[in-house]
PDB file of N, CA and C in Angstrom:
ATOM      1  N   UNK A   1      64.320  73.621  77.975  1.00  0.00           N
ATOM      2  CA  UNK A   1      64.348  74.224  79.311  1.00  0.00           C
ATOM      3  C   UNK A   1      63.467  75.417  79.433  1.00  0.00           C
ATOM      4  N   UNK A   2      63.507  76.259  78.392  1.00  0.00           N
ATOM      5  CA  UNK A   2      62.638  77.482  78.445  1.00  0.00           C
ATOM      6  C   UNK A   2      61.150  77.084  78.415  1.00  0.00           C
ATOM      7  N   UNK A   3      60.853  76.030  77.722  1.00  0.00           N
ATOM      8  CA  UNK A   3      59.434  75.632  77.694  1.00  0.00           C
ATOM      9  C   UNK A   3      58.925  75.114  79.069  1.00  0.00           C
ATOM     10  N   UNK A   4      59.865  74.427  79.757  1.00  0.00           N
ATOM     11  CA  UNK A   4      59.470  74.005  81.106  1.00  0.00           C
ATOM     12  C   UNK A   4      59.287  75.173  82.083  1.00  0.00           C
ATOM     13  N   UNK A   5      60.180  76.133  81.950  1.00  0.00           N
ATOM     14  CA  UNK A   5      60.072  77.309  82.814  1.00  0.00           C
ATOM     15  C   UNK A   5      58.815  78.113  82.514  1.00  0.00           C
ATOM     16  N   UNK A   6      58.497  78.227  81.226  1.00  0.00           N
ATOM     17  CA  UNK A   6      57.270  78.948  80.849  1.00  0.00           C
ATOM     18  C   UNK A   6      56.034  78.211  81.344  1.00  0.00           C
ATOM     19  N   UNK A   7      56.074  76.902  81.232  1.00  0.00           N
ATOM     20  CA  UNK A   7      54.951  76.083  81.712  1.00  0.00           C
ATOM     21  C   UNK A   7      54.755  76.209  83.208  1.00  0.00           C
ATOM     22  N   UNK A   8      55.872  76.225  83.944  1.00  0.00           N
ATOM     23  CA  UNK A   8      55.849  76.357  85.396  1.00  0.00           C
ATOM     24  C   UNK A   8      55.293  77.682  85.824  1.00  0.00           C
ATOM     25  N   UNK A   9      55.716  78.739  85.120  1.00  0.00           N
ATOM     26  CA  UNK A   9      55.226  80.071  85.431  1.00  0.00           C
ATOM     27  C   UNK A   9      53.760  80.173  85.132  1.00  0.00           C
ATOM     28  N   UNK A  10      53.334  79.633  84.028  1.00  0.00           N
ATOM     29  CA  UNK A  10      51.884  79.670  83.669  1.00  0.00           C
ATOM     30  C   UNK A  10      51.061  78.907  84.682  1.00  0.00           C
ATOM     31  N   UNK A  11      51.557  77.788  85.140  1.00  0.00           N
ATOM     32  CA  UNK A  11      50.841  76.994  86.108  1.00  0.00           C
ATOM     33  C   UNK A  11      50.763  77.810  87.457  1.00  0.00           C
ATOM     34  N   UNK A  12      51.921  78.471  87.786  1.00  0.00           N
ATOM     35  CA  UNK A  12      51.911  79.267  88.996  1.00  0.00           C
ATOM     36  C   UNK A  12      50.846  80.350  88.982  1.00  0.00           C
ATOM     37  N   UNK A  13      50.711  81.044  87.871  1.00  0.00           N
ATOM     38  CA  UNK A  13      49.708  82.088  87.732  1.00  0.00           C
ATOM     39  C   UNK A  13      48.277  81.538  87.873  1.00  0.00           C
ATOM     40  N   UNK A  14      48.082  80.272  87.510  1.00  0.00           N
ATOM     41  CA  UNK A  14      46.784  79.618  87.647  1.00  0.00           C
ATOM     42  C   UNK A  14      46.490  79.207  89.062  1.00  0.00           C
ATOM     43  N   UNK A  15      47.510  78.635  89.700  1.00  0.00           N
ATOM     44  CA  UNK A  15      47.311  78.057  91.047  1.00  0.00           C
ATOM     45  C   UNK A  15      47.160  79.142  92.114  1.00  0.00           C
ATOM     46  N   UNK A  16      47.931  80.249  92.041  1.00  0.00           N
ATOM     47  CA  UNK A  16      47.877  81.284  93.053  1.00  0.00           C
ATOM     48  C   UNK A  16      46.509  81.868  93.283  1.00  0.00           C
ATOM     49  N   UNK A  17      45.720  82.130  92.213  1.00  0.00           N
ATOM     50  CA  UNK A  17      44.334  82.659  92.454  1.00  0.00           C
ATOM     51  C   UNK A  17      43.479  81.622  93.210  1.00  0.00           C
ATOM     52  N   UNK A  18      43.692  80.321  92.909  1.00  0.00           N
ATOM     53  CA  UNK A  18      42.916  79.299  93.600  1.00  0.00           C
ATOM     54  C   UNK A  18      43.288  79.210  95.081  1.00  0.00           C
ATOM     55  N   UNK A  19      44.543  79.331  95.415  1.00  0.00           N
ATOM     56  CA  UNK A  19      44.936  79.329  96.824  1.00  0.00           C
ATOM     57  C   UNK A  19      44.454  80.555  97.552  1.00  0.00           C
ATOM     58  N   UNK A  20      44.360  81.697  96.867  1.00  0.00           N
ATOM     59  CA  UNK A  20      43.895  82.862  97.456  1.00  0.00           C
ATOM     60  C   UNK A  20      42.343  82.725  97.842  1.00  0.00           C
ATOM     61  N   UNK A  21      41.638  81.849  97.206  1.00  0.00           N
ATOM     62  CA  UNK A  21      40.238  81.696  97.470  1.00  0.00           C
ATOM     63  C   UNK A  21      39.989  80.764  98.653  1.00  0.00           C
ATOM     64  N   UNK A  22      41.033  79.997  99.052  1.00  0.00           N
ATOM     65  CA  UNK A  22      40.817  79.054 100.188  1.00  0.00           C
ATOM     66  C   UNK A  22      40.582  79.859 101.452  1.00  0.00           C
ATOM     67  N   UNK A  23      39.660  79.387 102.215  1.00  0.00           N
ATOM     68  CA  UNK A  23      39.318  80.117 103.469  1.00  0.00           C
ATOM     69  C   UNK A  23      39.004  79.101 104.571  1.00  0.00           C
ATOM     70  N   UNK A  24      39.400  79.452 105.754  1.00  0.00           N
ATOM     71  CA  UNK A  24      38.981  78.668 106.863  1.00  0.00           C
ATOM     72  C   UNK A  24      37.551  79.015 107.208  1.00  0.00           C
ATOM     73  N   UNK A  25      36.752  77.977 107.421  1.00  0.00           N
ATOM     74  CA  UNK A  25      35.376  78.205 107.777  1.00  0.00           C
ATOM     75  C   UNK A  25      35.075  77.461 109.062  1.00  0.00           C
ATOM     76  N   UNK A  26      34.140  77.933 109.885  1.00  0.00           N
ATOM     77  CA  UNK A  26      33.790  77.276 111.117  1.00  0.00           C
ATOM     78  C   UNK A  26      32.342  76.759 111.006  1.00  0.00           C
ATOM     79  N   UNK A  27      32.167  75.535 111.334  1.00  0.00           N
ATOM     80  CA  UNK A  27      30.792  74.974 111.362  1.00  0.00           C
ATOM     81  C   UNK A  27      30.592  74.388 112.737  1.00  0.00           C
ATOM     82  N   UNK A  28      29.395  74.476 113.217  1.00  0.00           N
ATOM     83  CA  UNK A  28      28.996  73.903 114.522  1.00  0.00           C
ATOM     84  C   UNK A  28      28.045  72.805 114.228  1.00  0.00           C
ATOM     85  N   UNK A  29      28.387  71.568 114.641  1.00  0.00           N
ATOM     86  CA  UNK A  29      27.538  70.372 114.428  1.00  0.00           C
ATOM     87  C   UNK A  29      26.881  69.929 115.801  1.00  0.00           C
ATOM     88  N   UNK A  30      25.621  69.532 115.689  1.00  0.00           N
ATOM     89  CA  UNK A  30      24.978  68.909 116.784  1.00  0.00           C
ATOM     90  C   UNK A  30      25.134  67.457 116.528  1.00  0.00           C
ATOM     91  N   UNK A  31      25.801  66.746 117.457  1.00  0.00           N
ATOM     92  CA  UNK A  31      26.095  65.352 117.329  1.00  0.00           C
ATOM     93  C   UNK A  31      25.262  64.579 118.370  1.00  0.00           C
ATOM     94  N   UNK A  32      24.451  63.619 117.864  1.00  0.00           N
ATOM     95  CA  UNK A  32      23.461  62.912 118.697  1.00  0.00           C
ATOM     96  C   UNK A  32      23.961  61.597 119.138  1.00  0.00           C
ATOM     97  N   UNK A  33      23.314  61.079 120.166  1.00  0.00           N
ATOM     98  CA  UNK A  33      23.606  59.733 120.800  1.00  0.00           C
ATOM     99  C   UNK A  33      25.014  59.662 121.261  1.00  0.00           C
ATOM    100  N   UNK A  34      25.540  60.690 121.915  1.00  0.00           N
ATOM    101  CA  UNK A  34      26.885  60.764 122.350  1.00  0.00           C
ATOM    102  C   UNK A  34      26.995  61.065 123.835  1.00  0.00           C
ATOM    103  N   UNK A  35      26.311  60.278 124.665  1.00  0.00           N
ATOM    104  CA  UNK A  35      26.229  60.602 126.070  1.00  0.00           C
ATOM    105  C   UNK A  35      27.338  59.937 126.933  1.00  0.00           C
ATOM    106  N   UNK A  36      28.107  58.994 126.411  1.00  0.00           N
ATOM    107  CA  UNK A  36      29.104  58.317 127.264  1.00  0.00           C
ATOM    108  C   UNK A  36      30.382  59.150 127.374  1.00  0.00           C
ATOM    109  N   UNK A  37      31.195  58.785 128.304  1.00  0.00           N
ATOM    110  CA  UNK A  37      32.399  59.502 128.569  1.00  0.00           C
ATOM    111  C   UNK A  37      33.404  59.427 127.413  1.00  0.00           C
ATOM    112  N   UNK A  38      33.383  58.355 126.660  1.00  0.00           N
ATOM    113  CA  UNK A  38      34.276  58.222 125.521  1.00  0.00           C
ATOM    114  C   UNK A  38      33.792  58.779 124.225  1.00  0.00           C
ATOM    115  N   UNK A  39      32.552  59.168 124.139  1.00  0.00           N
ATOM    116  CA  UNK A  39      31.947  59.677 122.906  1.00  0.00           C
ATOM    117  C   UNK A  39      32.647  61.000 122.430  1.00  0.00           C
ATOM    118  N   UNK A  40      32.866  61.917 123.376  1.00  0.00           N
ATOM    119  CA  UNK A  40      33.499  63.157 122.997  1.00  0.00           C
ATOM    120  C   UNK A  40      34.900  62.983 122.321  1.00  0.00           C
ATOM    121  N   UNK A  41      35.775  62.219 122.946  1.00  0.00           N
ATOM    122  CA  UNK A  41      37.079  61.962 122.343  1.00  0.00           C
ATOM    123  C   UNK A  41      36.996  61.242 121.048  1.00  0.00           C
ATOM    124  N   UNK A  42      36.008  60.349 120.895  1.00  0.00           N
ATOM    125  CA  UNK A  42      35.873  59.569 119.607  1.00  0.00           C
ATOM    126  C   UNK A  42      35.434  60.543 118.517  1.00  0.00           C
ATOM    127  N   UNK A  43      34.545  61.374 118.830  1.00  0.00           N
ATOM    128  CA  UNK A  43      34.000  62.340 117.800  1.00  0.00           C
ATOM    129  C   UNK A  43      35.077  63.352 117.454  1.00  0.00           C
ATOM    130  N   UNK A  44      35.829  63.840 118.450  1.00  0.00           N
ATOM    131  CA  UNK A  44      36.905  64.783 118.217  1.00  0.00           C
ATOM    132  C   UNK A  44      37.955  64.132 117.295  1.00  0.00           C
ATOM    133  N   UNK A  45      38.316  62.915 117.607  1.00  0.00           N
ATOM    134  CA  UNK A  45      39.367  62.216 116.785  1.00  0.00           C
ATOM    135  C   UNK A  45      38.878  61.929 115.356  1.00  0.00           C
ATOM    136  N   UNK A  46      37.653  61.557 115.257  1.00  0.00           N
ATOM    137  CA  UNK A  46      37.009  61.274 113.950  1.00  0.00           C
ATOM    138  C   UNK A  46      37.066  62.476 113.097  1.00  0.00           C
ATOM    139  N   UNK A  47      36.595  63.598 113.615  1.00  0.00           N
ATOM    140  CA  UNK A  47      36.600  64.851 112.803  1.00  0.00           C
ATOM    141  C   UNK A  47      37.971  65.366 112.544  1.00  0.00           C
ATOM    142  N   UNK A  48      38.917  65.219 113.512  1.00  0.00           N
ATOM    143  CA  UNK A  48      40.293  65.684 113.335  1.00  0.00           C
ATOM    144  C   UNK A  48      40.992  64.951 112.221  1.00  0.00           C
ATOM    145  N   UNK A  49      40.600  63.703 111.923  1.00  0.00           N
ATOM    146  CA  UNK A  49      41.254  62.929 110.870  1.00  0.00           C
ATOM    147  C   UNK A  49      40.662  63.178 109.518  1.00  0.00           C
ATOM    148  N   UNK A  50      39.645  64.004 109.393  1.00  0.00           N
ATOM    149  CA  UNK A  50      39.125  64.330 108.063  1.00  0.00           C
ATOM    150  C   UNK A  50      40.047  65.319 107.401  1.00  0.00           C
ATOM    151  N   UNK A  51      40.503  65.005 106.186  1.00  0.00           N
ATOM    152  CA  UNK A  51      41.414  65.889 105.476  1.00  0.00           C
ATOM    153  C   UNK A  51      40.817  67.271 105.299  1.00  0.00           C
ATOM    154  N   UNK A  52      41.505  68.303 105.682  1.00  0.00           N
ATOM    155  CA  UNK A  52      41.005  69.678 105.526  1.00  0.00           C
ATOM    156  C   UNK A  52      40.574  70.256 106.860  1.00  0.00           C
ATOM    157  N   UNK A  53      40.419  69.430 107.883  1.00  0.00           N
ATOM    158  CA  UNK A  53      40.007  69.907 109.229  1.00  0.00           C
ATOM    159  C   UNK A  53      41.237  70.475 109.926  1.00  0.00           C
ATOM    160  N   UNK A  54      41.129  71.691 110.389  1.00  0.00           N
ATOM    161  CA  UNK A  54      42.254  72.376 111.071  1.00  0.00           C
ATOM    162  C   UNK A  54      42.149  72.252 112.576  1.00  0.00           C
ATOM    163  N   UNK A  55      40.936  72.303 113.161  1.00  0.00           N
ATOM    164  CA  UNK A  55      40.778  72.184 114.614  1.00  0.00           C
ATOM    165  C   UNK A  55      39.363  71.715 114.898  1.00  0.00           C
ATOM    166  N   UNK A  56      39.280  71.027 116.075  1.00  0.00           N
ATOM    167  CA  UNK A  56      37.895  70.566 116.535  1.00  0.00           C
ATOM    168  C   UNK A  56      37.815  70.826 118.045  1.00  0.00           C
ATOM    169  N   UNK A  57      36.697  71.284 118.471  1.00  0.00           N
ATOM    170  CA  UNK A  57      36.401  71.420 119.885  1.00  0.00           C
ATOM    171  C   UNK A  57      35.057  70.767 120.122  1.00  0.00           C
ATOM    172  N   UNK A  58      34.961  69.888 121.145  1.00  0.00           N
ATOM    173  CA  UNK A  58      33.737  69.168 121.429  1.00  0.00           C
ATOM    174  C   UNK A  58      33.309  69.604 122.814  1.00  0.00           C
ATOM    175  N   UNK A  59      32.023  69.951 122.937  1.00  0.00           N
ATOM    176  CA  UNK A  59      31.505  70.311 124.253  1.00  0.00           C
ATOM    177  C   UNK A  59      30.167  69.578 124.416  1.00  0.00           C
ATOM    178  N   UNK A  60      29.751  69.430 125.684  1.00  0.00           N
ATOM    179  CA  UNK A  60      28.401  68.852 125.985  1.00  0.00           C
ATOM    180  C   UNK A  60      27.610  69.997 126.671  1.00  0.00           C
ATOM    181  N   UNK A  61      26.774  70.659 125.915  1.00  0.00           N
ATOM    182  CA  UNK A  61      26.059  71.783 126.468  1.00  0.00           C
ATOM    183  C   UNK A  61      24.994  71.447 127.515  1.00  0.00           C
ATOM    184  N   UNK A  62      24.505  70.210 127.491  1.00  0.00           N
ATOM    185  CA  UNK A  62      23.528  69.826 128.510  1.00  0.00           C
ATOM    186  C   UNK A  62      23.603  68.314 128.696  1.00  0.00           C
ATOM    187  N   UNK A  63      22.780  67.743 129.477  1.00  0.00           N
ATOM    188  CA  UNK A  63      22.904  66.347 129.847  1.00  0.00           C
ATOM    189  C   UNK A  63      21.956  65.417 129.001  1.00  0.00           C
ATOM    190  N   UNK A  64      21.560  65.861 127.868  1.00  0.00           N
ATOM    191  CA  UNK A  64      20.646  65.084 127.059  1.00  0.00           C
ATOM    192  C   UNK A  64      21.313  64.079 126.137  1.00  0.00           C
ATOM    193  N   UNK A  65      22.624  63.898 126.216  1.00  0.00           N
ATOM    194  CA  UNK A  65      23.298  62.869 125.385  1.00  0.00           C
ATOM    195  C   UNK A  65      23.792  63.384 124.063  1.00  0.00           C
ATOM    196  N   UNK A  66      23.678  64.646 123.792  1.00  0.00           N
ATOM    197  CA  UNK A  66      24.144  65.213 122.546  1.00  0.00           C
ATOM    198  C   UNK A  66      25.406  66.074 122.838  1.00  0.00           C
ATOM    199  N   UNK A  67      26.235  66.222 121.805  1.00  0.00           N
ATOM    200  CA  UNK A  67      27.418  67.012 121.906  1.00  0.00           C
ATOM    201  C   UNK A  67      27.382  68.069 120.834  1.00  0.00           C
ATOM    202  N   UNK A  68      28.186  69.127 121.032  1.00  0.00           N
ATOM    203  CA  UNK A  68      28.339  70.131 120.014  1.00  0.00           C
ATOM    204  C   UNK A  68      29.821  70.072 119.573  1.00  0.00           C
ATOM    205  N   UNK A  69      30.030  69.949 118.313  1.00  0.00           N
ATOM    206  CA  UNK A  69      31.386  69.930 117.752  1.00  0.00           C
ATOM    207  C   UNK A  69      31.573  71.201 116.932  1.00  0.00           C
ATOM    208  N   UNK A  70      32.556  72.000 117.339  1.00  0.00           N
ATOM    209  CA  UNK A  70      32.905  73.195 116.570  1.00  0.00           C
ATOM    210  C   UNK A  70      34.120  72.837 115.706  1.00  0.00           C
ATOM    211  N   UNK A  71      33.989  72.932 114.420  1.00  0.00           N
ATOM    212  CA  UNK A  71      35.021  72.440 113.499  1.00  0.00           C
ATOM    213  C   UNK A  71      35.513  73.587 112.670  1.00  0.00           C
ATOM    214  N   UNK A  72      36.827  73.820 112.646  1.00  0.00           N
ATOM    215  CA  UNK A  72      37.397  74.842 111.750  1.00  0.00           C
ATOM    216  C   UNK A  72      38.057  74.036 110.632  1.00  0.00           C
ATOM    217  N   UNK A  73      37.676  74.324 109.404  1.00  0.00           N
ATOM    218  CA  UNK A  73      38.108  73.590 108.247  1.00  0.00           C
ATOM    219  C   UNK A  73      38.368  74.437 107.024  1.00  0.00           C
ATOM    220  N   UNK A  74      39.124  73.839 106.110  1.00  0.00           N
ATOM    221  CA  UNK A  74      39.403  74.497 104.798  1.00  0.00           C
ATOM    222  C   UNK A  74      38.270  74.089 103.891  1.00  0.00           C
ATOM    223  N   UNK A  75      37.465  75.075 103.448  1.00  0.00           N
ATOM    224  CA  UNK A  75      36.287  74.716 102.682  1.00  0.00           C
ATOM    225  C   UNK A  75      36.592  74.336 101.223  1.00  0.00           C
ATOM    226  N   UNK A  76      37.895  74.452 100.842  1.00  0.00           N
ATOM    227  CA  UNK A  76      38.300  73.957  99.548  1.00  0.00           C
ATOM    228  C   UNK A  76      38.656  72.481  99.552  1.00  0.00           C
ATOM    229  N   UNK A  77      38.832  71.932 100.798  1.00  0.00           N
ATOM    230  CA  UNK A  77      39.236  70.510 100.947  1.00  0.00           C
ATOM    231  C   UNK A  77      38.126  69.615 101.465  1.00  0.00           C
ATOM    232  N   UNK A  78      37.218  70.146 102.199  1.00  0.00           N
ATOM    233  CA  UNK A  78      36.211  69.341 102.825  1.00  0.00           C
ATOM    234  C   UNK A  78      34.861  70.068 102.860  1.00  0.00           C
ATOM    235  N   UNK A  79      33.773  69.353 102.854  1.00  0.00           N
ATOM    236  CA  UNK A  79      32.448  69.926 102.931  1.00  0.00           C
ATOM    237  C   UNK A  79      31.782  69.610 104.280  1.00  0.00           C
ATOM    238  N   UNK A  80      30.717  70.365 104.566  1.00  0.00           N
ATOM    239  CA  UNK A  80      29.982  70.049 105.781  1.00  0.00           C
ATOM    240  C   UNK A  80      29.369  68.713 105.670  1.00  0.00           C
ATOM    241  N   UNK A  81      28.933  68.294 104.517  1.00  0.00           N
ATOM    242  CA  UNK A  81      28.362  66.974 104.371  1.00  0.00           C
ATOM    243  C   UNK A  81      29.382  65.830 104.647  1.00  0.00           C
ATOM    244  N   UNK A  82      30.667  66.071 104.318  1.00  0.00           N
ATOM    245  CA  UNK A  82      31.688  65.093 104.638  1.00  0.00           C
ATOM    246  C   UNK A  82      31.937  65.012 106.174  1.00  0.00           C
ATOM    247  N   UNK A  83      31.843  66.144 106.810  1.00  0.00           N
ATOM    248  CA  UNK A  83      32.000  66.172 108.287  1.00  0.00           C
ATOM    249  C   UNK A  83      30.862  65.390 108.932  1.00  0.00           C
ATOM    250  N   UNK A  84      29.634  65.636 108.476  1.00  0.00           N
ATOM    251  CA  UNK A  84      28.479  64.972 109.024  1.00  0.00           C
ATOM    252  C   UNK A  84      28.550  63.440 108.727  1.00  0.00           C
ATOM    253  N   UNK A  85      28.991  63.073 107.529  1.00  0.00           N
ATOM    254  CA  UNK A  85      29.191  61.682 107.149  1.00  0.00           C
ATOM    255  C   UNK A  85      30.189  60.992 108.038  1.00  0.00           C
ATOM    256  N   UNK A  86      31.264  61.650 108.387  1.00  0.00           N
ATOM    257  CA  UNK A  86      32.309  61.069 109.233  1.00  0.00           C
ATOM    258  C   UNK A  86      31.750  60.680 110.584  1.00  0.00           C
ATOM    259  N   UNK A  87      31.046  61.594 111.210  1.00  0.00           N
ATOM    260  CA  UNK A  87      30.487  61.220 112.550  1.00  0.00           C
ATOM    261  C   UNK A  87      29.400  60.192 112.448  1.00  0.00           C
ATOM    262  N   UNK A  88      28.529  60.325 111.451  1.00  0.00           N
ATOM    263  CA  UNK A  88      27.464  59.380 111.242  1.00  0.00           C
ATOM    264  C   UNK A  88      27.998  57.978 111.025  1.00  0.00           C
ATOM    265  N   UNK A  89      29.089  57.852 110.237  1.00  0.00           N
ATOM    266  CA  UNK A  89      29.663  56.578 109.918  1.00  0.00           C
ATOM    267  C   UNK A  89      30.216  55.914 111.188  1.00  0.00           C
ATOM    268  N   UNK A  90      30.598  56.690 112.195  1.00  0.00           N
ATOM    269  CA  UNK A  90      31.087  56.195 113.470  1.00  0.00           C
ATOM    270  C   UNK A  90      29.968  55.904 114.446  1.00  0.00           C
ATOM    271  N   UNK A  91      28.711  56.102 114.020  1.00  0.00           N
ATOM    272  CA  UNK A  91      27.552  55.790 114.866  1.00  0.00           C
ATOM    273  C   UNK A  91      26.996  56.955 115.632  1.00  0.00           C
ATOM    274  N   UNK A  92      27.441  58.181 115.267  1.00  0.00           N
ATOM    275  CA  UNK A  92      26.926  59.390 115.905  1.00  0.00           C
ATOM    276  C   UNK A  92      26.351  60.311 114.839  1.00  0.00           C
ATOM    277  N   UNK A  93      25.054  60.190 114.618  1.00  0.00           N
ATOM    278  CA  UNK A  93      24.407  61.042 113.595  1.00  0.00           C
ATOM    279  C   UNK A  93      24.555  62.520 114.008  1.00  0.00           C
ATOM    280  N   UNK A  94      24.776  63.356 112.992  1.00  0.00           N
ATOM    281  CA  UNK A  94      25.002  64.754 113.311  1.00  0.00           C
ATOM    282  C   UNK A  94      24.200  65.596 112.325  1.00  0.00           C
ATOM    283  N   UNK A  95      24.025  66.823 112.710  1.00  0.00           N
ATOM    284  CA  UNK A  95      23.412  67.849 111.835  1.00  0.00           C
ATOM    285  C   UNK A  95      24.079  69.235 112.034  1.00  0.00           C
ATOM    286  N   UNK A  96      23.926  69.997 111.037  1.00  0.00           N
ATOM    287  CA  UNK A  96      24.500  71.315 111.089  1.00  0.00           C
ATOM    288  C   UNK A  96      23.657  72.263 112.057  1.00  0.00           C
ATOM    289  N   UNK A  97      24.355  72.754 113.029  1.00  0.00           N
ATOM    290  CA  UNK A  97      23.673  73.746 113.961  1.00  0.00           C
ATOM    291  C   UNK A  97      23.829  75.127 113.322  1.00  0.00           C
ATOM    292  N   UNK A  98      25.022  75.480 112.883  1.00  0.00           N
ATOM    293  CA  UNK A  98      25.209  76.796 112.244  1.00  0.00           C
ATOM    294  C   UNK A  98      26.602  76.853 111.611  1.00  0.00           C
ATOM    295  N   UNK A  99      26.815  77.730 110.719  1.00  0.00           N
ATOM    296  CA  UNK A  99      28.121  78.046 110.169  1.00  0.00           C
ATOM    297  C   UNK A  99      28.492  79.433 110.551  1.00  0.00           C
ATOM    298  N   UNK A 100      29.756  79.626 110.727  1.00  0.00           N
ATOM    299  CA  UNK A 100      30.242  80.974 111.092  1.00  0.00           C
ATOM    300  C   UNK A 100      31.026  81.573 109.952  1.00  0.00           C
ATOM    301  N   UNK A 101      31.602  82.672 110.183  1.00  0.00           N
ATOM    302  CA  UNK A 101      32.266  83.420 109.098  1.00  0.00           C
ATOM    303  C   UNK A 101      33.540  82.729 108.629  1.00  0.00           C
ATOM    304  N   UNK A 102      33.884  83.097 107.406  1.00  0.00           N
ATOM    305  CA  UNK A 102      35.127  82.627 106.863  1.00  0.00           C
ATOM    306  C   UNK A 102      36.248  83.576 107.276  1.00  0.00           C
ATOM    307  N   UNK A 103      37.430  83.062 107.435  1.00  0.00           N
ATOM    308  CA  UNK A 103      38.550  83.994 107.741  1.00  0.00           C
ATOM    309  C   UNK A 103      39.589  83.971 106.669  1.00  0.00           C
TER     310      UNK A 103
END
């Protein structure tokens, strides 16, 4: 029993610093070929279902058929490349517009 308790405590000391490093990061993606009325909700749903994504906001800044997706995500669980891949796999190629600060 003492060995299990010692192992659990040792694991706890290891995991706590990793959790402290986790940060929410904001990325803004330019999503292309998304001019229809259903494209925004599809993109929002696609990104929201990526593990590690906390929030998604989709806007259409102009009438050229592109959307802007602002994604708040846990950078220890998902990468920008995975976010771009998710939209691209749904038929909406995307690129990074900018990243914002970590919180």
